[in-house]
Amino acid sequence: MVASPERDWRELCARAAEEPDSEKFVSLVNQILQALDECDRKLMLSSAKPAPLRESH
């Protein structure tokens, strides 16, 4: 099962908060940014759906 992007970025943040290695920290931050971008894309796609057409009377 694939983790949702929301859960993924939260887990990545928790890992980054504890990461002492600066290179691994930067890698985690980049992964967090990618996960947040994915969340944004999904939100934009869901809000960009056209409204259903109304029947005129």
N, C-alpha and C. Protein backbone atom coordinates (compact mmCIF):
# COMPACT_ATOMS: atom_id res chain seq x y z
N MET A 1 0.85 -1.19 0.00
CA MET A 1 0.00 0.00 0.00
C MET A 1 0.89 1.25 0.00
N VAL A 2 0.56 2.20 -0.83
CA VAL A 2 1.33 3.43 -0.96
C VAL A 2 0.79 4.46 0.03
N ALA A 3 1.69 5.14 0.74
CA ALA A 3 1.27 6.17 1.69
C ALA A 3 0.75 7.38 0.95
N SER A 4 -0.22 8.06 1.54
CA SER A 4 -0.73 9.27 0.92
C SER A 4 0.33 10.36 1.01
N PRO A 5 0.34 11.30 0.06
CA PRO A 5 1.34 12.37 0.12
C PRO A 5 1.29 13.16 1.44
N GLU A 6 0.06 13.34 1.97
CA GLU A 6 -0.06 14.09 3.23
C GLU A 6 0.66 13.36 4.36
N ARG A 7 0.39 12.07 4.46
CA ARG A 7 1.04 11.29 5.50
C ARG A 7 2.54 11.24 5.25
N ASP A 8 2.91 11.10 3.99
CA ASP A 8 4.32 11.01 3.62
C ASP A 8 5.09 12.24 4.06
N TRP A 9 4.58 13.44 3.78
CA TRP A 9 5.35 14.62 4.14
C TRP A 9 5.45 14.79 5.65
N ARG A 10 4.41 14.36 6.37
CA ARG A 10 4.47 14.45 7.83
C ARG A 10 5.53 13.49 8.40
N GLU A 11 5.59 12.29 7.84
CA GLU A 11 6.60 11.34 8.28
C GLU A 11 8.00 11.83 7.93
N LEU A 12 8.14 12.41 6.74
CA LEU A 12 9.44 12.95 6.34
C LEU A 12 9.87 14.10 7.25
N CYS A 13 8.92 14.93 7.66
CA CYS A 13 9.24 16.04 8.58
C CYS A 13 9.73 15.50 9.92
N ALA A 14 9.06 14.46 10.41
CA ALA A 14 9.47 13.87 11.69
C ALA A 14 10.89 13.30 11.58
N ARG A 15 11.17 12.65 10.44
CA ARG A 15 12.52 12.11 10.24
C ARG A 15 13.55 13.23 10.13
N ALA A 16 13.20 14.30 9.41
CA ALA A 16 14.14 15.41 9.22
C ALA A 16 14.44 16.10 10.55
N ALA A 17 13.44 16.19 11.41
CA ALA A 17 13.63 16.86 12.70
C ALA A 17 14.66 16.14 13.57
N GLU A 18 14.83 14.84 13.34
CA GLU A 18 15.76 14.04 14.13
C GLU A 18 17.08 13.73 13.42
N GLU A 19 17.21 14.15 12.17
CA GLU A 19 18.38 13.77 11.35
C GLU A 19 19.60 14.62 11.67
N PRO A 20 20.66 14.01 12.20
CA PRO A 20 21.87 14.78 12.52
C PRO A 20 22.79 15.01 11.31
N ASP A 21 22.69 14.16 10.29
CA ASP A 21 23.56 14.27 9.12
C ASP A 21 23.00 15.34 8.17
N SER A 22 23.80 16.36 7.88
CA SER A 22 23.31 17.48 7.08
C SER A 22 22.94 17.07 5.66
N GLU A 23 23.68 16.14 5.06
CA GLU A 23 23.36 15.71 3.70
C GLU A 23 22.04 14.95 3.67
N LYS A 24 21.83 14.08 4.64
CA LYS A 24 20.57 13.34 4.72
C LYS A 24 19.41 14.29 5.01
N PHE A 25 19.68 15.30 5.85
CA PHE A 25 18.66 16.30 6.17
C PHE A 25 18.21 17.04 4.91
N VAL A 26 19.17 17.47 4.11
CA VAL A 26 18.84 18.18 2.86
C VAL A 26 18.04 17.28 1.93
N SER A 27 18.43 16.01 1.86
CA SER A 27 17.69 15.06 1.03
C SER A 27 16.25 14.92 1.52
N LEU A 28 16.06 14.84 2.83
CA LEU A 28 14.72 14.74 3.40
C LEU A 28 13.90 15.99 3.10
N VAL A 29 14.52 17.16 3.21
CA VAL A 29 13.82 18.41 2.92
C VAL A 29 13.37 18.43 1.46
N ASN A 30 14.22 17.97 0.56
CA ASN A 30 13.84 17.90 -0.86
C ASN A 30 12.68 16.95 -1.07
N GLN A 31 12.68 15.82 -0.36
CA GLN A 31 11.57 14.87 -0.45
C GLN A 31 10.29 15.48 0.11
N ILE A 32 10.41 16.26 1.17
CA ILE A 32 9.24 16.95 1.76
C ILE A 32 8.65 17.92 0.74
N LEU A 33 9.51 18.68 0.09
CA LEU A 33 9.05 19.64 -0.92
C LEU A 33 8.34 18.94 -2.06
N GLN A 34 8.87 17.81 -2.51
CA GLN A 34 8.23 17.05 -3.58
C GLN A 34 6.87 16.53 -3.15
N ALA A 35 6.78 16.02 -1.91
CA ALA A 35 5.50 15.51 -1.41
C ALA A 35 4.48 16.63 -1.29
N LEU A 36 4.91 17.82 -0.83
CA LEU A 36 3.99 18.95 -0.71
C LEU A 36 3.55 19.44 -2.09
N ASP A 37 4.45 19.43 -3.06
CA ASP A 37 4.08 19.79 -4.44
C ASP A 37 3.01 18.84 -4.96
N GLU A 38 3.16 17.56 -4.66
CA GLU A 38 2.17 16.56 -5.09
C GLU A 38 0.81 16.83 -4.44
N CYS A 39 0.82 17.19 -3.16
CA CYS A 39 -0.43 17.55 -2.49
C CYS A 39 -1.08 18.75 -3.16
N ASP A 40 -0.27 19.75 -3.48
CA ASP A 40 -0.79 20.95 -4.16
C ASP A 40 -1.39 20.60 -5.52
N ARG A 41 -0.69 19.75 -6.29
CA ARG A 41 -1.20 19.35 -7.60
C ARG A 41 -2.55 18.65 -7.47
N LYS A 42 -2.66 17.76 -6.50
CA LYS A 42 -3.92 17.04 -6.32
C LYS A 42 -5.04 17.99 -5.92
N LEU A 43 -4.74 18.96 -5.07
CA LEU A 43 -5.75 19.94 -4.67
C LEU A 43 -6.18 20.80 -5.86
N MET A 44 -5.21 21.21 -6.67
CA MET A 44 -5.54 22.04 -7.82
C MET A 44 -6.35 21.26 -8.84
N LEU A 45 -6.03 19.99 -9.04
CA LEU A 45 -6.79 19.17 -9.98
C LEU A 45 -8.21 18.96 -9.50
N SER A 46 -8.37 18.73 -8.20
CA SER A 46 -9.71 18.48 -7.68
C SER A 46 -10.56 19.75 -7.68
N SER A 47 -9.93 20.91 -7.52
CA SER A 47 -10.69 22.16 -7.53
C SER A 47 -10.90 22.69 -8.95
N ALA A 48 -10.16 22.15 -9.92
CA ALA A 48 -10.28 22.62 -11.29
C ALA A 48 -11.33 21.86 -12.09
N LYS A 49 -11.97 20.89 -11.47
CA LYS A 49 -13.00 20.14 -12.18
C LYS A 49 -14.16 21.07 -12.51
N PRO A 50 -14.67 21.02 -13.72
CA PRO A 50 -15.77 21.91 -14.09
C PRO A 50 -17.03 21.56 -13.30
N ALA A 51 -17.80 22.60 -13.04
CA ALA A 51 -19.08 22.41 -12.34
C ALA A 51 -20.05 21.70 -13.26
N PRO A 52 -20.91 20.88 -12.71
CA PRO A 52 -21.88 20.19 -13.55
C PRO A 52 -22.82 21.21 -14.22
N LEU A 53 -23.21 20.90 -15.44
CA LEU A 53 -24.10 21.78 -16.19
C LEU A 53 -25.50 21.70 -15.61
N ARG A 54 -26.15 22.84 -15.53
CA ARG A 54 -27.54 22.89 -15.07
C ARG A 54 -28.46 22.83 -16.26
N GLU A 55 -29.56 22.20 -16.07
CA GLU A 55 -30.56 22.21 -17.13
C GLU A 55 -31.32 23.52 -17.07
N SER A 56 -31.52 24.12 -18.21
CA SER A 56 -32.30 25.36 -18.24
C SER A 56 -33.79 25.03 -18.34
N HIS A 57 -34.60 25.81 -17.67
CA HIS A 57 -36.07 25.58 -17.66
C HIS A 57 -36.77 26.60 -18.49
